[in-house]
Amino acid sequence: MSELTFYHYMRMDSGQPEQTYRAAMEKAGYFAFYTFAEGFRNGLREYAEEDSPLYSRLLARARRLFPEPERFSPSWGGLWDEFDLIFAAKNEALAAVPVSKRDGEWQILIDNPYSHNQVVCYTTLPFLEASYLYGYFQRELKPHEVLRLQRITERLQTNGRKEASIFPDY
């Protein structure tokens, strides 16, 4: 099954190998496609702007080779649309933040100022992962919700004390 991984897909030339890859994937079924999709997701999480043209081609080819990913699982009906949204939003973040300002700790914050729901915050992220999550969470953003990709510039942190715990042995 190693020939069905996303790593192998990235290095594949167009033409006949694509059709062989597609046929092998369809024969292998759900688990092989799941592994492929998760590998693709990790690639989207890790790529930087110099890889953007490559990922644009990879997404177009994946959509062409597997136009109905829901044939592997009904939950993948919107997989390529989700990946396209993540790709576009991550490229927006890559274009907006210069490379010289990407170091340090980043966070994703989701809030609805008109609701009493809790704020959701993903902290201690490197920029490339935070920019991926910026795209990932846009897909299901509700009206009035705010999604922020922000860099931590100052931080004060403390840890809880063992004596204050109701479980002092932990």
Protein backbone atom coordinates (compact mmCIF):
# COMPACT_ATOMS: atom_id res chain seq x y z
CA MET A 1 0.00 0.00 0.00
CA SER A 2 3.01 2.35 0.21
CA GLU A 3 2.46 3.23 -3.46
CA LEU A 4 -0.93 4.72 -2.51
CA THR A 5 0.40 7.23 0.01
CA PHE A 6 0.28 10.99 -0.49
CA TYR A 7 4.10 10.97 -0.59
CA HIS A 8 4.00 8.72 -3.66
CA TYR A 9 1.18 10.81 -5.18
CA MET A 10 3.30 13.96 -4.90
CA ARG A 11 6.10 12.41 -6.94
CA MET A 12 3.91 10.85 -9.61
CA ASP A 13 4.10 12.13 -13.19
CA SER A 14 0.92 12.79 -15.13
CA GLY A 15 -0.55 10.39 -17.65
CA GLN A 16 -0.71 6.63 -17.32
CA PRO A 17 0.66 6.43 -13.74
CA GLU A 18 -2.29 8.58 -12.64
CA GLN A 19 -4.82 6.11 -13.98
CA THR A 20 -2.92 3.20 -12.44
CA TYR A 21 -2.87 5.08 -9.12
CA ARG A 22 -6.60 5.78 -9.34
CA ALA A 23 -7.45 2.15 -10.15
CA ALA A 24 -5.26 0.87 -7.31
CA MET A 25 -6.86 3.34 -4.87
CA GLU A 26 -10.36 2.36 -5.90
CA LYS A 27 -9.48 -1.30 -5.47
CA ALA A 28 -7.85 -0.71 -2.05
CA GLY A 29 -10.87 1.23 -0.77
CA TYR A 30 -11.62 3.22 2.36
CA PHE A 31 -8.48 2.76 4.45
CA ALA A 32 -6.09 3.54 1.59
CA PHE A 33 -8.04 6.68 0.68
CA TYR A 34 -8.22 7.72 4.33
CA THR A 35 -4.42 7.44 4.58
CA PHE A 36 -4.06 9.42 1.36
CA ALA A 37 -6.48 12.16 2.53
CA GLU A 38 -4.74 12.50 5.91
CA GLY A 39 -1.36 12.70 4.17
CA PHE A 40 -2.78 15.44 1.94
CA ARG A 41 -4.13 17.25 5.02
CA ASN A 42 -0.70 17.10 6.66
CA GLY A 43 0.84 18.48 3.49
CA LEU A 44 -1.59 21.41 3.57
CA ARG A 45 -0.67 21.97 7.21
CA GLU A 46 3.08 22.07 6.54
CA TYR A 47 3.60 23.74 3.14
CA ALA A 48 5.07 27.22 2.81
CA GLU A 49 4.55 29.74 -0.02
CA GLU A 50 7.25 28.28 -2.26
CA ASP A 51 5.15 25.08 -2.39
CA SER A 52 1.88 26.86 -3.15
CA PRO A 53 1.99 26.24 -6.95
CA LEU A 54 2.73 22.56 -6.32
CA TYR A 55 -0.24 22.20 -3.95
CA SER A 56 -2.49 24.02 -6.41
CA ARG A 57 -1.62 21.38 -9.04
CA LEU A 58 -1.96 18.53 -6.54
CA LEU A 59 -5.45 19.68 -5.53
CA ALA A 60 -6.57 20.02 -9.16
CA ARG A 61 -5.21 16.57 -9.98
CA ALA A 62 -6.80 14.97 -6.90
CA ARG A 63 -10.16 16.49 -7.82
CA ARG A 64 -9.75 15.15 -11.37
CA LEU A 65 -8.64 11.65 -10.28
CA PHE A 66 -11.19 11.27 -7.48
CA PRO A 67 -14.14 13.50 -8.42
CA GLU A 68 -16.42 11.69 -5.97
CA PRO A 69 -14.47 10.98 -2.79
CA GLU A 70 -17.79 10.14 -1.12
CA ARG A 71 -17.58 6.81 -2.97
CA PHE A 72 -14.95 5.87 -0.37
CA SER A 73 -16.97 7.34 2.51
CA PRO A 74 -20.10 9.53 2.59
CA SER A 75 -18.34 11.90 4.99
CA TRP A 76 -15.87 12.91 2.25
CA GLY A 77 -18.44 14.47 -0.06
CA GLY A 78 -17.00 17.94 0.50
CA LEU A 79 -13.34 16.95 0.89
CA TRP A 80 -11.95 18.83 -2.11
CA ASP A 81 -14.01 21.94 -1.32
CA GLU A 82 -12.68 21.83 2.25
CA PHE A 83 -9.09 21.46 1.02
CA ASP A 84 -9.59 24.28 -1.52
CA LEU A 85 -10.86 26.59 1.25
CA ILE A 86 -7.94 25.70 3.53
CA PHE A 87 -5.51 26.24 0.66
CA ALA A 88 -6.98 29.65 -0.25
CA ALA A 89 -7.12 30.88 3.36
CA LYS A 90 -3.62 29.67 4.13
CA ASN A 91 -2.31 31.44 1.02
CA GLU A 92 -4.12 34.59 2.21
CA ALA A 93 -2.28 34.35 5.54
CA LEU A 94 1.04 33.61 3.83
CA ALA A 95 0.59 36.71 1.66
CA ALA A 96 -0.48 38.92 4.57
CA VAL A 97 2.33 38.10 7.00
CA PRO A 98 5.92 38.63 5.81
CA VAL A 99 8.36 35.78 6.42
CA SER A 100 10.37 38.06 8.71
CA LYS A 101 7.39 38.33 11.10
CA ARG A 102 6.38 34.67 11.30
CA ASP A 103 8.61 33.53 14.13
CA GLY A 104 7.35 33.08 17.64
CA GLU A 105 4.09 31.78 19.02
CA TRP A 106 0.80 32.11 17.17
CA GLN A 107 -2.77 31.36 18.13
CA ILE A 108 -6.18 30.90 16.58
CA LEU A 109 -9.12 32.47 18.40
CA ILE A 110 -12.80 31.85 17.66
CA ASP A 111 -15.32 34.13 19.36
CA ASN A 112 -18.89 35.33 18.96
CA PRO A 113 -19.21 38.67 20.76
CA TYR A 114 -23.03 38.43 20.63
CA SER A 115 -23.15 35.11 22.46
CA HIS A 116 -22.38 33.88 25.94
CA ASN A 117 -20.51 30.87 24.55
CA GLN A 118 -16.93 30.41 25.55
CA VAL A 119 -14.06 31.67 23.44
CA VAL A 120 -12.10 28.91 21.73
CA CYS A 121 -8.36 29.41 21.54
CA TYR A 122 -5.62 27.22 20.06
CA THR A 123 -2.31 28.40 21.46
CA THR A 124 1.43 27.80 21.11
CA LEU A 125 1.29 27.20 17.36
CA PRO A 126 3.99 27.79 14.76
CA PHE A 127 2.84 30.14 11.98
CA LEU A 128 2.38 27.51 9.25
CA GLU A 129 0.11 25.37 11.43
CA ALA A 130 -1.83 28.42 12.66
CA SER A 131 -2.38 29.55 9.06
CA TYR A 132 -3.67 26.04 8.23
CA LEU A 133 -6.15 26.21 11.14
CA TYR A 134 -7.17 29.69 9.97
CA GLY A 135 -8.45 28.02 6.81
CA TYR A 136 -9.75 24.90 8.53
CA PHE A 137 -12.09 26.80 10.87
CA GLN A 138 -13.45 29.15 8.20
CA ARG A 139 -15.55 26.37 6.69
CA GLU A 140 -18.01 26.20 9.59
CA LEU A 141 -17.79 29.76 10.87
CA LYS A 142 -21.25 30.95 11.92
CA PRO A 143 -22.70 34.44 11.42
CA HIS A 144 -21.25 36.91 13.93
CA GLU A 145 -18.39 34.57 14.83
CA VAL A 146 -14.93 36.02 14.58
CA LEU A 147 -11.87 34.00 13.62
CA ARG A 148 -8.48 35.50 14.45
CA LEU A 149 -4.99 34.45 13.51
CA GLN A 150 -2.73 36.37 15.86
CA ARG A 151 0.83 36.41 17.03
CA ILE A 152 1.63 36.44 20.73
CA THR A 153 3.98 39.31 21.44
CA GLU A 154 3.97 39.34 25.23
CA ARG A 155 3.09 36.49 27.53
CA LEU A 156 2.91 35.92 31.24
CA GLN A 157 2.38 32.32 32.33
CA THR A 158 2.12 30.41 35.56
CA ASN A 159 1.30 26.84 36.47
CA GLY A 160 -1.05 25.56 39.14
CA ARG A 161 0.34 24.40 42.47
CA LYS A 162 0.07 20.84 43.66
CA GLU A 163 -1.14 22.01 47.06
CA ALA A 164 -4.13 23.78 45.51
CA SER A 165 -5.31 20.68 43.66
CA ILE A 166 -8.16 18.53 44.86
CA PHE A 167 -5.99 15.65 43.59
CA PRO A 168 -2.69 16.40 45.40
CA ASP A 169 -1.14 13.07 44.41
CA TYR A 170 -1.25 13.92 40.68
